[in-house]
């Protein structure tokens, strides 16, 4: 099994991704969901605004990214990471999916 290529605390390695995930997390969640699986960008983004659903969606999204990339880990780790470090985890997942290399994951109008 593989390891995460980007660290959880590597938020400031790429300032544009850091700003995106901290100030527009709905967009980042949508793009990660779209890249990681057969999830709709807009529906994933909307989950950020619904209490409890946002935590569950972050856990599912992290699990999906881990499985797609063959990264070691488990449900407990995903839950703790989503609960304690949600925005850092979002930043890590965004970079792990390679969205930062594609100029932000595509045009915003597509979402």
C-alpha atoms as a PDB file:
ATOM      1  CA  UNK A   1       0.000   0.000   0.000  1.00  0.00           C
ATOM      2  CA  UNK A   2       1.108   3.530  -0.724  1.00  0.00           C
ATOM      3  CA  UNK A   3       1.523   6.515   1.576  1.00  0.00           C
ATOM      4  CA  UNK A   4       0.149  10.039   1.227  1.00  0.00           C
ATOM      5  CA  UNK A   5       2.432  12.015  -1.115  1.00  0.00           C
ATOM      6  CA  UNK A   6       1.467  15.279   0.580  1.00  0.00           C
ATOM      7  CA  UNK A   7       1.573  15.720   4.336  1.00  0.00           C
ATOM      8  CA  UNK A   8      -1.448  16.676   6.403  1.00  0.00           C
ATOM      9  CA  UNK A   9       0.410  19.703   7.768  1.00  0.00           C
ATOM     10  CA  UNK A  10       1.731  20.777   4.366  1.00  0.00           C
ATOM     11  CA  UNK A  11      -0.986  23.385   3.939  1.00  0.00           C
ATOM     12  CA  UNK A  12       1.399  26.175   3.006  1.00  0.00           C
ATOM     13  CA  UNK A  13       3.358  24.233   0.370  1.00  0.00           C
ATOM     14  CA  UNK A  14       1.044  25.759  -2.207  1.00  0.00           C
ATOM     15  CA  UNK A  15      -0.526  29.049  -1.105  1.00  0.00           C
ATOM     16  CA  UNK A  16      -3.180  29.136  -3.826  1.00  0.00           C
ATOM     17  CA  UNK A  17      -4.490  25.697  -2.798  1.00  0.00           C
ATOM     18  CA  UNK A  18      -4.334  26.761   0.843  1.00  0.00           C
ATOM     19  CA  UNK A  19      -6.428  29.855   0.164  1.00  0.00           C
ATOM     20  CA  UNK A  20      -8.867  27.906  -2.000  1.00  0.00           C
ATOM     21  CA  UNK A  21      -9.489  25.152   0.534  1.00  0.00           C
ATOM     22  CA  UNK A  22      -9.751  27.559   3.485  1.00  0.00           C
ATOM     23  CA  UNK A  23     -11.954  30.230   1.930  1.00  0.00           C
ATOM     24  CA  UNK A  24     -13.920  28.271  -0.707  1.00  0.00           C
ATOM     25  CA  UNK A  25     -14.073  24.735   0.715  1.00  0.00           C
ATOM     26  CA  UNK A  26     -17.308  23.984  -1.149  1.00  0.00           C
ATOM     27  CA  UNK A  27     -15.470  24.314  -4.469  1.00  0.00           C
ATOM     28  CA  UNK A  28     -12.536  22.181  -3.277  1.00  0.00           C
ATOM     29  CA  UNK A  29     -14.854  19.440  -1.944  1.00  0.00           C
ATOM     30  CA  UNK A  30     -16.750  19.422  -5.232  1.00  0.00           C
ATOM     31  CA  UNK A  31     -13.608  19.113  -7.320  1.00  0.00           C
ATOM     32  CA  UNK A  32     -12.148  16.371  -5.112  1.00  0.00           C
ATOM     33  CA  UNK A  33     -15.419  14.444  -5.259  1.00  0.00           C
ATOM     34  CA  UNK A  34     -15.541  14.774  -9.011  1.00  0.00           C
ATOM     35  CA  UNK A  35     -11.914  13.654  -9.437  1.00  0.00           C
ATOM     36  CA  UNK A  36     -12.028  10.834  -6.866  1.00  0.00           C
ATOM     37  CA  UNK A  37     -15.228   9.134  -7.912  1.00  0.00           C
ATOM     38  CA  UNK A  38     -18.525   9.361  -9.670  1.00  0.00           C
ATOM     39  CA  UNK A  39     -19.687  12.230  -7.494  1.00  0.00           C
ATOM     40  CA  UNK A  40     -21.376  15.378  -8.747  1.00  0.00           C
ATOM     41  CA  UNK A  41     -19.266  18.489  -8.173  1.00  0.00           C
ATOM     42  CA  UNK A  42     -22.170  20.698  -7.108  1.00  0.00           C
ATOM     43  CA  UNK A  43     -23.771  18.136  -4.806  1.00  0.00           C
ATOM     44  CA  UNK A  44     -20.466  17.490  -3.041  1.00  0.00           C
ATOM     45  CA  UNK A  45     -19.927  21.232  -2.664  1.00  0.00           C
ATOM     46  CA  UNK A  46     -23.377  21.756  -1.171  1.00  0.00           C
ATOM     47  CA  UNK A  47     -22.691  19.194   1.576  1.00  0.00           C
ATOM     48  CA  UNK A  48     -20.185  21.633   3.113  1.00  0.00           C
ATOM     49  CA  UNK A  49     -23.088  23.820   4.265  1.00  0.00           C
ATOM     50  CA  UNK A  50     -25.173  21.090   5.963  1.00  0.00           C
ATOM     51  CA  UNK A  51     -24.179  20.305   9.574  1.00  0.00           C
ATOM     52  CA  UNK A  52     -23.337  16.646  10.284  1.00  0.00           C
ATOM     53  CA  UNK A  53     -23.653  15.852   6.556  1.00  0.00           C
ATOM     54  CA  UNK A  54     -20.468  17.871   6.010  1.00  0.00           C
ATOM     55  CA  UNK A  55     -18.535  15.669   8.443  1.00  0.00           C
ATOM     56  CA  UNK A  56     -19.900  12.449   6.939  1.00  0.00           C
ATOM     57  CA  UNK A  57     -19.124  13.633   3.400  1.00  0.00           C
ATOM     58  CA  UNK A  58     -15.549  14.561   4.406  1.00  0.00           C
ATOM     59  CA  UNK A  59     -15.048  11.064   5.839  1.00  0.00           C
ATOM     60  CA  UNK A  60     -16.467   9.393   2.716  1.00  0.00           C
ATOM     61  CA  UNK A  61     -14.420  11.660   0.458  1.00  0.00           C
ATOM     62  CA  UNK A  62     -11.191  10.899   2.336  1.00  0.00           C
ATOM     63  CA  UNK A  63     -11.927   7.155   2.161  1.00  0.00           C
ATOM     64  CA  UNK A  64     -12.594   7.436  -1.579  1.00  0.00           C
ATOM     65  CA  UNK A  65      -9.320   9.300  -2.196  1.00  0.00           C
ATOM     66  CA  UNK A  66      -7.396   6.731  -0.132  1.00  0.00           C
ATOM     67  CA  UNK A  67      -8.917   3.817  -2.040  1.00  0.00           C
ATOM     68  CA  UNK A  68      -8.383   5.412  -5.442  1.00  0.00           C
ATOM     69  CA  UNK A  69      -4.726   6.140  -4.677  1.00  0.00           C
ATOM     70  CA  UNK A  70      -4.103   2.848  -2.806  1.00  0.00           C
ATOM     71  CA  UNK A  71      -3.148   4.650   0.402  1.00  0.00           C
ATOM     72  CA  UNK A  72      -2.968   2.815   3.712  1.00  0.00           C
ATOM     73  CA  UNK A  73      -5.431   3.781   6.397  1.00  0.00           C
ATOM     74  CA  UNK A  74      -8.754   3.012   7.950  1.00  0.00           C
ATOM     75  CA  UNK A  75     -12.108   4.415   8.910  1.00  0.00           C
ATOM     76  CA  UNK A  76     -11.003   5.529  12.385  1.00  0.00           C
ATOM     77  CA  UNK A  77      -8.143   7.557  10.936  1.00  0.00           C
ATOM     78  CA  UNK A  78     -10.489   9.119   8.382  1.00  0.00           C
ATOM     79  CA  UNK A  79     -12.987  10.052  11.100  1.00  0.00           C
ATOM     80  CA  UNK A  80     -10.350  11.612  13.361  1.00  0.00           C
ATOM     81  CA  UNK A  81      -8.743  13.502  10.497  1.00  0.00           C
ATOM     82  CA  UNK A  82     -12.069  14.860   9.237  1.00  0.00           C
ATOM     83  CA  UNK A  83     -13.148  15.825  12.764  1.00  0.00           C
ATOM     84  CA  UNK A  84      -9.911  17.425  13.985  1.00  0.00           C
ATOM     85  CA  UNK A  85      -8.202  18.685  10.830  1.00  0.00           C
ATOM     86  CA  UNK A  86     -10.926  19.073   8.205  1.00  0.00           C
ATOM     87  CA  UNK A  87      -9.404  21.936   6.240  1.00  0.00           C
ATOM     88  CA  UNK A  88      -5.882  20.509   6.349  1.00  0.00           C
ATOM     89  CA  UNK A  89      -7.271  17.153   5.191  1.00  0.00           C
ATOM     90  CA  UNK A  90      -9.134  18.888   2.384  1.00  0.00           C
ATOM     91  CA  UNK A  91      -5.917  20.605   1.321  1.00  0.00           C
ATOM     92  CA  UNK A  92      -4.063  17.270   1.381  1.00  0.00           C
ATOM     93  CA  UNK A  93      -6.752  15.482  -0.646  1.00  0.00           C
ATOM     94  CA  UNK A  94      -6.897  18.291  -3.206  1.00  0.00           C
ATOM     95  CA  UNK A  95      -3.161  18.030  -3.793  1.00  0.00           C
ATOM     96  CA  UNK A  96      -3.194  14.220  -3.679  1.00  0.00           C
ATOM     97  CA  UNK A  97      -5.703  14.112  -6.531  1.00  0.00           C
ATOM     98  CA  UNK A  98      -3.379  16.325  -8.583  1.00  0.00           C
ATOM     99  CA  UNK A  99      -5.898  19.140  -8.877  1.00  0.00           C
ATOM    100  CA  UNK A 100      -3.308  21.750  -7.935  1.00  0.00           C
ATOM    101  CA  UNK A 101      -1.259  20.801 -11.009  1.00  0.00           C
ATOM    102  CA  UNK A 102      -4.176  21.362 -13.368  1.00  0.00           C
ATOM    103  CA  UNK A 103      -4.497  25.041 -12.522  1.00  0.00           C
ATOM    104  CA  UNK A 104      -7.121  24.530  -9.853  1.00  0.00           C
ATOM    105  CA  UNK A 105      -8.917  21.544 -11.293  1.00  0.00           C
ATOM    106  CA  UNK A 106     -10.558  23.121 -14.291  1.00  0.00           C
ATOM    107  CA  UNK A 107     -12.845  26.002 -14.953  1.00  0.00           C
ATOM    108  CA  UNK A 108     -15.088  27.095 -12.104  1.00  0.00           C
ATOM    109  CA  UNK A 109     -18.010  27.414 -14.501  1.00  0.00           C
ATOM    110  CA  UNK A 110     -17.985  23.656 -14.971  1.00  0.00           C
ATOM    111  CA  UNK A 111     -19.008  23.029 -11.374  1.00  0.00           C
END
